[in-house]
N, C-alpha and C. Protein backbone atom coordinates (compact mmCIF):
# COMPACT_ATOMS: atom_id res chain seq x y z
N MET A 1 0.85 -1.17 0.00
CA MET A 1 0.00 0.00 0.00
C MET A 1 0.90 1.24 0.00
N THR A 2 0.66 2.15 -0.93
CA THR A 2 1.45 3.36 -1.05
C THR A 2 0.99 4.39 -0.02
N ALA A 3 1.95 4.97 0.68
CA ALA A 3 1.62 5.99 1.69
C ALA A 3 1.11 7.25 1.01
N ILE A 4 0.23 7.96 1.71
CA ILE A 4 -0.32 9.19 1.15
C ILE A 4 0.22 10.41 1.88
N ASN A 5 0.14 11.55 1.22
CA ASN A 5 0.41 12.83 1.83
C ASN A 5 -0.94 13.51 2.02
N LEU A 6 -1.26 13.85 3.24
CA LEU A 6 -2.57 14.38 3.60
C LEU A 6 -2.54 15.91 3.65
N PHE A 7 -3.47 16.54 2.94
CA PHE A 7 -3.61 17.99 2.93
C PHE A 7 -4.98 18.31 3.49
N LEU A 8 -5.03 18.85 4.73
CA LEU A 8 -6.30 19.19 5.38
C LEU A 8 -6.59 20.67 5.21
N ASP A 9 -7.66 20.97 4.48
CA ASP A 9 -8.09 22.35 4.28
C ASP A 9 -9.50 22.33 3.73
N ASP A 10 -10.37 23.18 4.26
CA ASP A 10 -11.76 23.19 3.81
C ASP A 10 -11.95 23.95 2.50
N VAL A 11 -10.99 24.78 2.10
CA VAL A 11 -11.16 25.62 0.92
C VAL A 11 -10.00 25.47 -0.07
N ARG A 12 -8.79 25.63 0.43
CA ARG A 12 -7.63 25.66 -0.46
C ARG A 12 -7.27 24.28 -0.99
N ASN A 13 -6.61 24.30 -2.13
CA ASN A 13 -6.09 23.08 -2.72
C ASN A 13 -4.60 22.99 -2.40
N PRO A 14 -4.03 21.79 -2.46
CA PRO A 14 -2.60 21.64 -2.14
C PRO A 14 -1.72 22.39 -3.14
N PRO A 15 -0.49 22.69 -2.73
CA PRO A 15 0.40 23.48 -3.58
C PRO A 15 0.90 22.74 -4.81
N GLY A 16 0.71 21.46 -4.87
CA GLY A 16 1.19 20.70 -6.02
C GLY A 16 0.56 19.32 -6.04
N ASP A 17 1.07 18.47 -6.91
CA ASP A 17 0.57 17.10 -7.00
C ASP A 17 1.08 16.27 -5.83
N GLY A 18 0.51 15.11 -5.68
CA GLY A 18 1.00 14.18 -4.67
C GLY A 18 0.31 14.29 -3.32
N TRP A 19 -0.75 15.07 -3.23
CA TRP A 19 -1.46 15.24 -1.96
C TRP A 19 -2.87 14.65 -2.08
N THR A 20 -3.34 14.07 -0.99
CA THR A 20 -4.73 13.63 -0.88
C THR A 20 -5.44 14.64 0.00
N VAL A 21 -6.50 15.24 -0.50
CA VAL A 21 -7.18 16.33 0.20
C VAL A 21 -8.26 15.80 1.13
N ALA A 22 -8.27 16.32 2.35
CA ALA A 22 -9.36 16.10 3.31
C ALA A 22 -9.97 17.47 3.58
N ARG A 23 -11.28 17.58 3.47
CA ARG A 23 -11.97 18.86 3.68
C ARG A 23 -12.49 19.00 5.10
N SER A 24 -12.36 17.98 5.91
CA SER A 24 -12.81 18.05 7.31
C SER A 24 -11.87 17.23 8.18
N ALA A 25 -11.90 17.51 9.48
CA ALA A 25 -11.09 16.75 10.42
C ALA A 25 -11.51 15.28 10.42
N GLU A 26 -12.80 15.03 10.23
CA GLU A 26 -13.29 13.66 10.21
C GLU A 26 -12.69 12.86 9.05
N GLU A 27 -12.57 13.50 7.89
CA GLU A 27 -11.93 12.83 6.75
C GLU A 27 -10.47 12.55 7.07
N ALA A 28 -9.80 13.50 7.70
CA ALA A 28 -8.39 13.33 8.05
C ALA A 28 -8.21 12.22 9.08
N TRP A 29 -9.12 12.16 10.08
CA TRP A 29 -9.04 11.07 11.07
C TRP A 29 -9.10 9.72 10.39
N ALA A 30 -10.02 9.58 9.44
CA ALA A 30 -10.17 8.30 8.74
C ALA A 30 -8.88 7.93 8.01
N MET A 31 -8.24 8.90 7.37
CA MET A 31 -6.99 8.62 6.65
C MET A 31 -5.87 8.27 7.62
N LEU A 32 -5.76 9.00 8.71
CA LEU A 32 -4.69 8.73 9.68
C LEU A 32 -4.86 7.37 10.35
N ARG A 33 -6.09 6.96 10.57
CA ARG A 33 -6.35 5.67 11.21
C ARG A 33 -5.82 4.50 10.40
N THR A 34 -5.63 4.68 9.11
CA THR A 34 -5.11 3.60 8.28
C THR A 34 -3.65 3.32 8.59
N GLY A 35 -2.95 4.29 9.19
CA GLY A 35 -1.53 4.15 9.46
C GLY A 35 -0.70 4.31 8.20
N ASN A 36 -1.28 4.88 7.16
CA ASN A 36 -0.63 4.95 5.87
C ASN A 36 -0.41 6.38 5.39
N VAL A 37 -0.16 7.30 6.33
CA VAL A 37 0.07 8.70 5.98
C VAL A 37 1.56 9.02 6.16
N GLU A 38 2.17 9.46 5.08
CA GLU A 38 3.59 9.81 5.10
C GLU A 38 3.80 11.20 5.68
N ALA A 39 3.07 12.18 5.17
CA ALA A 39 3.22 13.57 5.58
C ALA A 39 1.84 14.22 5.63
N CYS A 40 1.74 15.31 6.37
CA CYS A 40 0.48 16.06 6.34
C CYS A 40 0.74 17.54 6.53
N SER A 41 -0.10 18.32 5.87
CA SER A 41 -0.09 19.77 5.98
C SER A 41 -1.49 20.16 6.44
N LEU A 42 -1.58 20.92 7.52
CA LEU A 42 -2.86 21.11 8.20
C LEU A 42 -3.29 22.57 8.29
N ASP A 43 -4.57 22.79 8.08
CA ASP A 43 -5.21 24.08 8.30
C ASP A 43 -5.90 24.03 9.66
N HIS A 44 -6.12 25.18 10.28
CA HIS A 44 -6.82 25.22 11.55
C HIS A 44 -8.32 25.37 11.37
N ASP A 45 -8.75 26.46 10.75
CA ASP A 45 -10.18 26.74 10.59
C ASP A 45 -10.73 25.92 9.43
N LEU A 46 -11.72 25.09 9.71
CA LEU A 46 -12.26 24.19 8.70
C LEU A 46 -13.72 24.48 8.39
N GLY A 47 -14.04 25.76 8.34
CA GLY A 47 -15.39 26.17 7.98
C GLY A 47 -16.31 26.25 9.18
N GLU A 48 -17.56 26.51 8.87
CA GLU A 48 -18.56 26.62 9.93
C GLU A 48 -19.84 25.96 9.48
N CYS A 49 -20.63 25.57 10.46
CA CYS A 49 -21.91 24.92 10.14
C CYS A 49 -22.87 25.97 9.56
N ALA A 50 -23.97 25.50 9.00
CA ALA A 50 -24.93 26.39 8.35
C ALA A 50 -25.50 27.42 9.33
N ALA A 51 -25.79 27.00 10.56
CA ALA A 51 -26.38 27.92 11.54
C ALA A 51 -25.41 29.06 11.87
N CYS A 52 -24.15 28.73 12.07
CA CYS A 52 -23.16 29.77 12.41
C CYS A 52 -22.86 30.65 11.20
N ALA A 53 -22.86 30.06 10.02
CA ALA A 53 -22.59 30.84 8.80
C ALA A 53 -23.70 31.85 8.53
N SER A 54 -24.93 31.52 8.92
CA SER A 54 -26.05 32.43 8.64
C SER A 54 -26.36 33.35 9.82
N ALA A 55 -25.59 33.28 10.89
CA ALA A 55 -25.85 34.14 12.06
C ALA A 55 -25.62 35.60 11.68
N SER A 56 -26.46 36.47 12.23
CA SER A 56 -26.35 37.90 11.91
C SER A 56 -25.11 38.52 12.55
N VAL A 57 -24.69 37.97 13.67
CA VAL A 57 -23.47 38.42 14.34
C VAL A 57 -22.42 37.34 14.13
N LYS A 58 -21.24 37.73 13.72
CA LYS A 58 -20.17 36.76 13.45
C LYS A 58 -19.78 36.06 14.75
N VAL A 59 -19.87 34.73 14.73
CA VAL A 59 -19.51 33.92 15.89
C VAL A 59 -18.49 32.88 15.46
N THR A 60 -17.73 32.38 16.40
CA THR A 60 -16.82 31.28 16.13
C THR A 60 -17.62 30.00 16.23
N CYS A 61 -17.65 29.24 15.16
CA CYS A 61 -18.42 28.00 15.13
C CYS A 61 -17.73 26.95 15.98
N ARG A 62 -18.45 26.42 16.94
CA ARG A 62 -17.93 25.36 17.80
C ARG A 62 -18.53 24.00 17.42
N HIS A 63 -19.25 23.96 16.30
CA HIS A 63 -19.93 22.74 15.89
C HIS A 63 -19.10 21.88 14.95
N LYS A 64 -18.04 22.42 14.39
CA LYS A 64 -17.18 21.68 13.48
C LYS A 64 -15.80 21.55 14.10
N SER A 65 -15.19 20.40 13.89
CA SER A 65 -13.84 20.17 14.41
C SER A 65 -12.84 21.02 13.65
N THR A 66 -11.76 21.37 14.32
CA THR A 66 -10.70 22.19 13.73
C THR A 66 -9.45 21.33 13.50
N GLY A 67 -8.48 21.93 12.85
CA GLY A 67 -7.19 21.27 12.71
C GLY A 67 -6.54 21.03 14.06
N TYR A 68 -6.78 21.94 15.00
CA TYR A 68 -6.24 21.75 16.35
C TYR A 68 -6.87 20.54 17.03
N ASP A 69 -8.18 20.32 16.81
CA ASP A 69 -8.83 19.12 17.34
C ASP A 69 -8.16 17.87 16.78
N LEU A 70 -7.82 17.90 15.50
CA LEU A 70 -7.15 16.76 14.87
C LEU A 70 -5.77 16.53 15.51
N VAL A 71 -5.01 17.59 15.70
CA VAL A 71 -3.67 17.46 16.28
C VAL A 71 -3.76 16.92 17.72
N LYS A 72 -4.73 17.41 18.49
CA LYS A 72 -4.91 16.88 19.86
C LYS A 72 -5.25 15.39 19.82
N TRP A 73 -6.07 14.99 18.86
CA TRP A 73 -6.42 13.58 18.70
C TRP A 73 -5.18 12.75 18.36
N MET A 74 -4.34 13.27 17.44
CA MET A 74 -3.12 12.54 17.06
C MET A 74 -2.22 12.36 18.28
N ALA A 75 -2.11 13.42 19.10
CA ALA A 75 -1.27 13.34 20.30
C ALA A 75 -1.86 12.35 21.31
N GLU A 76 -3.16 12.42 21.51
CA GLU A 76 -3.82 11.55 22.49
C GLU A 76 -3.70 10.08 22.12
N HIS A 77 -3.84 9.77 20.83
CA HIS A 77 -3.84 8.39 20.38
C HIS A 77 -2.49 7.94 19.82
N ASN A 78 -1.53 8.86 19.80
CA ASN A 78 -0.19 8.59 19.27
C ASN A 78 -0.27 8.03 17.84
N ILE A 79 -1.12 8.65 17.05
CA ILE A 79 -1.26 8.28 15.64
C ILE A 79 -0.80 9.48 14.82
N TRP A 80 0.37 9.33 14.22
CA TRP A 80 1.01 10.43 13.50
C TRP A 80 1.41 9.99 12.11
N PRO A 81 1.59 10.95 11.21
CA PRO A 81 2.22 10.60 9.93
C PRO A 81 3.69 10.29 10.18
N ARG A 82 4.33 9.69 9.22
CA ARG A 82 5.75 9.32 9.40
C ARG A 82 6.64 10.56 9.51
N GLN A 83 6.28 11.62 8.76
CA GLN A 83 7.04 12.87 8.85
C GLN A 83 6.32 13.84 9.78
N LYS A 84 7.07 14.76 10.36
CA LYS A 84 6.47 15.74 11.27
C LYS A 84 5.44 16.58 10.53
N PRO A 85 4.22 16.70 11.08
CA PRO A 85 3.18 17.49 10.41
C PRO A 85 3.57 18.96 10.28
N THR A 86 3.12 19.58 9.20
CA THR A 86 3.32 21.02 9.01
C THR A 86 1.95 21.69 9.09
N VAL A 87 1.97 22.98 9.39
CA VAL A 87 0.74 23.76 9.54
C VAL A 87 0.77 24.90 8.52
N HIS A 88 -0.30 25.04 7.74
CA HIS A 88 -0.36 26.12 6.75
C HIS A 88 -1.52 27.08 7.04
N SER A 89 -2.01 27.11 8.25
CA SER A 89 -3.17 27.92 8.60
C SER A 89 -2.85 29.41 8.60
N ALA A 90 -3.84 30.21 8.20
CA ALA A 90 -3.71 31.67 8.26
C ALA A 90 -4.19 32.21 9.61
N ASN A 91 -4.66 31.35 10.48
CA ASN A 91 -5.10 31.74 11.81
C ASN A 91 -3.89 31.68 12.74
N PRO A 92 -3.32 32.83 13.14
CA PRO A 92 -2.07 32.80 13.90
C PRO A 92 -2.19 32.08 15.25
N ALA A 93 -3.25 32.32 15.98
CA ALA A 93 -3.41 31.69 17.30
C ALA A 93 -3.64 30.18 17.14
N GLY A 94 -4.50 29.81 16.20
CA GLY A 94 -4.76 28.39 15.97
C GLY A 94 -3.51 27.66 15.49
N ALA A 95 -2.78 28.27 14.57
CA ALA A 95 -1.55 27.67 14.06
C ALA A 95 -0.53 27.49 15.17
N ALA A 96 -0.42 28.49 16.04
CA ALA A 96 0.54 28.41 17.15
C ALA A 96 0.18 27.26 18.10
N SER A 97 -1.10 27.09 18.39
CA SER A 97 -1.53 25.99 19.26
C SER A 97 -1.23 24.64 18.62
N MET A 98 -1.49 24.55 17.32
CA MET A 98 -1.22 23.29 16.62
C MET A 98 0.27 22.97 16.62
N ARG A 99 1.09 23.97 16.30
CA ARG A 99 2.54 23.75 16.26
C ARG A 99 3.08 23.39 17.64
N ALA A 100 2.57 24.04 18.67
CA ALA A 100 3.03 23.75 20.04
C ALA A 100 2.72 22.30 20.42
N THR A 101 1.55 21.82 20.07
CA THR A 101 1.18 20.44 20.38
C THR A 101 2.02 19.46 19.57
N ILE A 102 2.21 19.76 18.29
CA ILE A 102 3.05 18.90 17.45
C ILE A 102 4.47 18.87 18.01
N ASP A 103 5.02 20.04 18.33
CA ASP A 103 6.39 20.11 18.85
C ASP A 103 6.54 19.35 20.17
N ARG A 104 5.49 19.38 20.97
CA ARG A 104 5.55 18.71 22.27
C ARG A 104 5.45 17.19 22.16
N TYR A 105 4.60 16.68 21.27
CA TYR A 105 4.29 15.26 21.27
C TYR A 105 4.87 14.45 20.12
N TRP A 106 5.21 15.09 19.02
CA TRP A 106 5.77 14.34 17.90
C TRP A 106 7.28 14.32 18.01
N THR A 107 7.88 13.14 17.92
CA THR A 107 9.34 13.03 17.89
C THR A 107 9.72 12.03 16.81
N PRO A 108 10.85 12.26 16.14
CA PRO A 108 11.25 11.34 15.06
C PRO A 108 11.52 9.93 15.55
N SER A 109 11.81 9.77 16.84
CA SER A 109 12.16 8.44 17.34
C SER A 109 10.95 7.57 17.64
N GLN A 110 9.75 8.16 17.70
CA GLN A 110 8.57 7.36 17.99
C GLN A 110 8.09 6.65 16.73
N PRO A 111 7.28 5.62 16.90
CA PRO A 111 6.78 4.92 15.72
C PRO A 111 5.70 5.76 15.04
N THR A 112 6.10 6.71 14.23
CA THR A 112 5.16 7.66 13.63
C THR A 112 4.42 7.04 12.47
N GLY A 113 3.12 6.96 12.62
CA GLY A 113 2.29 6.47 11.54
C GLY A 113 2.30 4.97 11.36
N ASP A 114 3.17 4.25 12.04
CA ASP A 114 3.20 2.80 11.91
C ASP A 114 2.20 2.19 12.88
N VAL A 115 0.94 2.38 12.57
CA VAL A 115 -0.13 1.92 13.44
C VAL A 115 -0.33 0.44 13.18
N ASP A 116 -0.20 -0.37 14.24
CA ASP A 116 -0.46 -1.78 14.02
C ASP A 116 -1.95 -2.00 13.86
N GLU A 117 -2.30 -3.17 13.37
CA GLU A 117 -3.70 -3.47 13.07
C GLU A 117 -4.59 -3.31 14.30
N ASN A 118 -4.11 -3.76 15.46
CA ASN A 118 -4.92 -3.67 16.68
C ASN A 118 -5.17 -2.23 17.09
N GLN A 119 -4.15 -1.37 16.97
CA GLN A 119 -4.32 0.03 17.35
C GLN A 119 -5.32 0.72 16.42
N ALA A 120 -5.22 0.46 15.13
CA ALA A 120 -6.16 1.06 14.18
C ALA A 120 -7.58 0.55 14.44
N LEU A 121 -7.72 -0.76 14.69
CA LEU A 121 -9.03 -1.34 14.96
C LEU A 121 -9.61 -0.74 16.24
N ARG A 122 -8.79 -0.61 17.27
CA ARG A 122 -9.25 -0.04 18.54
C ARG A 122 -9.74 1.40 18.34
N ALA A 123 -9.00 2.19 17.58
CA ALA A 123 -9.40 3.58 17.33
C ALA A 123 -10.73 3.63 16.60
N ASN A 124 -10.92 2.77 15.61
CA ASN A 124 -12.18 2.75 14.87
C ASN A 124 -13.34 2.29 15.73
N ILE A 125 -13.13 1.25 16.53
CA ILE A 125 -14.20 0.75 17.41
C ILE A 125 -14.55 1.79 18.46
N THR A 126 -13.54 2.49 18.99
CA THR A 126 -13.80 3.54 19.97
C THR A 126 -14.71 4.61 19.37
N THR A 127 -14.44 5.00 18.15
CA THR A 127 -15.27 6.00 17.49
C THR A 127 -16.69 5.50 17.30
N ILE A 128 -16.84 4.27 16.87
CA ILE A 128 -18.18 3.71 16.64
C ILE A 128 -18.97 3.63 17.94
N VAL A 129 -18.35 3.10 18.98
CA VAL A 129 -19.06 2.98 20.27
C VAL A 129 -19.41 4.36 20.80
N GLY A 130 -18.48 5.30 20.73
CA GLY A 130 -18.76 6.66 21.18
C GLY A 130 -19.90 7.28 20.40
N TRP A 131 -19.93 7.03 19.10
CA TRP A 131 -21.00 7.58 18.26
C TRP A 131 -22.34 6.98 18.66
N LEU A 132 -22.40 5.67 18.86
CA LEU A 132 -23.65 5.02 19.27
C LEU A 132 -24.16 5.59 20.58
N VAL A 133 -23.25 5.74 21.54
CA VAL A 133 -23.65 6.19 22.88
C VAL A 133 -24.09 7.65 22.85
N THR A 134 -23.32 8.50 22.20
CA THR A 134 -23.61 9.93 22.26
C THR A 134 -24.76 10.34 21.37
N ARG A 135 -25.17 9.53 20.43
CA ARG A 135 -26.29 9.86 19.56
C ARG A 135 -27.60 9.24 20.06
N ASN A 136 -27.59 8.71 21.28
CA ASN A 136 -28.76 8.11 21.91
C ASN A 136 -29.28 6.89 21.15
N ILE A 137 -28.48 6.31 20.29
CA ILE A 137 -28.88 5.08 19.61
C ILE A 137 -28.76 3.91 20.58
N TYR A 138 -27.78 3.99 21.45
CA TYR A 138 -27.50 2.94 22.41
C TYR A 138 -28.70 2.62 23.30
N ARG A 139 -29.34 3.66 23.83
CA ARG A 139 -30.44 3.45 24.78
C ARG A 139 -31.61 2.68 24.19
N GLY A 140 -31.91 2.89 22.91
CA GLY A 140 -33.05 2.24 22.29
C GLY A 140 -32.74 0.88 21.69
N ALA A 141 -31.51 0.44 21.80
CA ALA A 141 -31.11 -0.82 21.19
C ALA A 141 -31.59 -2.01 22.03
N PRO A 142 -31.75 -3.18 21.41
CA PRO A 142 -32.10 -4.38 22.17
C PRO A 142 -31.04 -4.68 23.22
N SER A 143 -31.42 -5.39 24.27
CA SER A 143 -30.51 -5.62 25.40
C SER A 143 -29.23 -6.33 24.97
N GLU A 144 -29.30 -7.27 24.02
CA GLU A 144 -28.07 -7.97 23.60
C GLU A 144 -27.11 -7.02 22.89
N VAL A 145 -27.64 -6.03 22.18
CA VAL A 145 -26.78 -5.04 21.54
C VAL A 145 -26.15 -4.15 22.59
N ARG A 146 -26.97 -3.69 23.57
CA ARG A 146 -26.43 -2.85 24.65
C ARG A 146 -25.34 -3.59 25.41
N GLU A 147 -25.55 -4.87 25.70
CA GLU A 147 -24.54 -5.66 26.42
C GLU A 147 -23.26 -5.78 25.60
N ALA A 148 -23.38 -5.98 24.30
CA ALA A 148 -22.20 -6.07 23.44
C ALA A 148 -21.45 -4.75 23.42
N VAL A 149 -22.17 -3.63 23.33
CA VAL A 149 -21.55 -2.31 23.34
C VAL A 149 -20.84 -2.09 24.68
N GLU A 150 -21.47 -2.49 25.78
CA GLU A 150 -20.85 -2.34 27.10
C GLU A 150 -19.57 -3.17 27.22
N ARG A 151 -19.58 -4.40 26.68
CA ARG A 151 -18.37 -5.23 26.72
C ARG A 151 -17.26 -4.59 25.91
N ILE A 152 -17.60 -4.05 24.73
CA ILE A 152 -16.59 -3.39 23.89
C ILE A 152 -16.05 -2.16 24.60
N ALA A 153 -16.94 -1.36 25.20
CA ALA A 153 -16.50 -0.16 25.92
C ALA A 153 -15.57 -0.55 27.06
N ALA A 154 -15.89 -1.63 27.76
CA ALA A 154 -15.05 -2.09 28.87
C ALA A 154 -13.65 -2.46 28.37
N LEU A 155 -13.58 -3.12 27.22
CA LEU A 155 -12.28 -3.48 26.65
C LEU A 155 -11.50 -2.24 26.24
N ILE A 156 -12.19 -1.25 25.68
CA ILE A 156 -11.52 -0.05 25.19
C ILE A 156 -10.88 0.73 26.33
N VAL A 157 -11.62 0.91 27.42
CA VAL A 157 -11.08 1.73 28.51
C VAL A 157 -10.38 0.91 29.57
N GLY A 158 -10.36 -0.41 29.42
CA GLY A 158 -9.63 -1.26 30.34
C GLY A 158 -10.32 -1.49 31.66
N CYS A 159 -11.64 -1.57 31.67
CA CYS A 159 -12.35 -1.87 32.90
C CYS A 159 -11.99 -3.27 33.36
N GLU A 160 -11.83 -3.44 34.66
CA GLU A 160 -11.54 -4.75 35.20
C GLU A 160 -12.81 -5.54 35.45
N ALA A 161 -13.91 -4.86 35.66
CA ALA A 161 -15.16 -5.53 35.96
C ALA A 161 -16.17 -5.18 34.88
N ALA A 162 -17.35 -5.80 35.00
CA ALA A 162 -18.42 -5.51 34.06
C ALA A 162 -18.85 -4.06 34.24
N PRO A 163 -19.48 -3.48 33.23
CA PRO A 163 -19.96 -2.11 33.34
C PRO A 163 -20.89 -1.93 34.52
N SER A 164 -20.84 -0.75 35.09
CA SER A 164 -21.67 -0.44 36.24
C SER A 164 -23.13 -0.38 35.82
N PRO A 165 -24.04 -1.00 36.60
CA PRO A 165 -25.45 -0.93 36.26
C PRO A 165 -25.93 0.51 36.29
N GLY A 166 -26.80 0.86 35.36
CA GLY A 166 -27.39 2.19 35.36
C GLY A 166 -26.53 3.24 34.69
N VAL A 167 -25.32 2.93 34.28
CA VAL A 167 -24.48 3.92 33.62
C VAL A 167 -24.69 3.78 32.13
N SER A 168 -25.86 4.15 31.68
CA SER A 168 -26.15 4.02 30.26
C SER A 168 -26.43 5.36 29.61
N GLU A 169 -26.38 6.43 30.37
CA GLU A 169 -26.64 7.74 29.81
C GLU A 169 -25.48 8.67 30.14
N PRO A 170 -24.46 8.68 29.27
CA PRO A 170 -23.30 9.53 29.55
C PRO A 170 -23.65 11.01 29.50
N ALA A 171 -22.81 11.79 30.13
CA ALA A 171 -23.00 13.23 30.15
C ALA A 171 -22.92 13.78 28.73
N PRO A 172 -23.66 14.86 28.44
CA PRO A 172 -23.67 15.40 27.08
C PRO A 172 -22.29 15.82 26.57
N ASP A 173 -21.35 16.19 27.45
CA ASP A 173 -20.06 16.67 26.98
C ASP A 173 -19.18 15.56 26.41
N CYS A 174 -19.58 14.30 26.58
CA CYS A 174 -18.77 13.22 26.03
C CYS A 174 -18.91 13.13 24.52
N ASP A 175 -19.81 13.90 23.93
CA ASP A 175 -20.01 13.87 22.48
C ASP A 175 -18.74 14.22 21.73
N GLN A 176 -17.87 15.02 22.31
CA GLN A 176 -16.65 15.43 21.62
C GLN A 176 -15.54 14.38 21.70
N ASP A 177 -15.67 13.39 22.59
CA ASP A 177 -14.60 12.43 22.77
C ASP A 177 -15.16 11.04 22.97
N PRO A 178 -15.09 10.18 21.96
CA PRO A 178 -15.62 8.83 22.10
C PRO A 178 -14.99 8.06 23.24
N GLN A 179 -13.71 8.31 23.55
CA GLN A 179 -13.05 7.62 24.67
C GLN A 179 -13.74 7.96 25.98
N VAL A 180 -14.16 9.23 26.14
CA VAL A 180 -14.89 9.64 27.34
C VAL A 180 -16.24 8.93 27.39
N ALA A 181 -16.91 8.83 26.24
CA ALA A 181 -18.20 8.13 26.19
C ALA A 181 -18.03 6.69 26.63
N CYS A 182 -16.99 6.03 26.13
CA CYS A 182 -16.75 4.63 26.52
C CYS A 182 -16.46 4.53 28.00
N SER A 183 -15.67 5.46 28.51
CA SER A 183 -15.33 5.43 29.92
C SER A 183 -16.55 5.63 30.80
N LEU A 184 -17.42 6.57 30.43
CA LEU A 184 -18.63 6.82 31.21
C LEU A 184 -19.57 5.63 31.13
N LEU A 185 -19.69 5.03 29.96
CA LEU A 185 -20.55 3.89 29.78
C LEU A 185 -20.06 2.72 30.63
N CYS A 186 -18.76 2.61 30.74
CA CYS A 186 -18.16 1.52 31.48
C CYS A 186 -18.17 1.76 32.97
N GLY A 187 -18.52 2.93 33.40
CA GLY A 187 -18.53 3.22 34.82
C GLY A 187 -17.25 3.86 35.30
N GLY A 188 -16.51 4.49 34.40
CA GLY A 188 -15.33 5.24 34.81
C GLY A 188 -14.02 4.56 34.58
N GLY A 189 -14.00 3.33 34.07
CA GLY A 189 -12.73 2.66 33.83
C GLY A 189 -12.11 2.13 35.10
N ARG A 190 -10.79 2.01 35.14
CA ARG A 190 -10.11 1.44 36.31
C ARG A 190 -10.09 2.39 37.47
């Protein structure tokens, strides 16, 4: 499988050939999870949702993930491209935050981008379980499905015991982090 060069930007096109474009952080997450990204160039501001775009007063949209959210995710899950990520954002504060996180957590000596099959599978399952839980699909599912989701969540966060009874409605703030959703569903982990 040939490694790709990832260019994250909601509007601009890459400076030349050889780049695979992602228009959202979610698209970039999917590419990075494959473990097959050689290099990446990242933008911070990735557009705004329809409600924020049509607001009469200019607001910062908090409904769409940013390039900084992607960089924090890469640091948290230790999933990086093989080369150190670059930032091409025109947002000075956002770019500075992204570069600071990259400088702090990315090192050439770590296994950058060489995601083993289990790590990639775990990241994908974490996202799926978090999505089910935070979208209230989990609560309406048959009991055998809920039990399977709880067992998967327990494995993801490393619970030693079965999920705590009654912990089936995670706090609304876990929507931004599937790992938090899994942890809450599992009863807090270890």
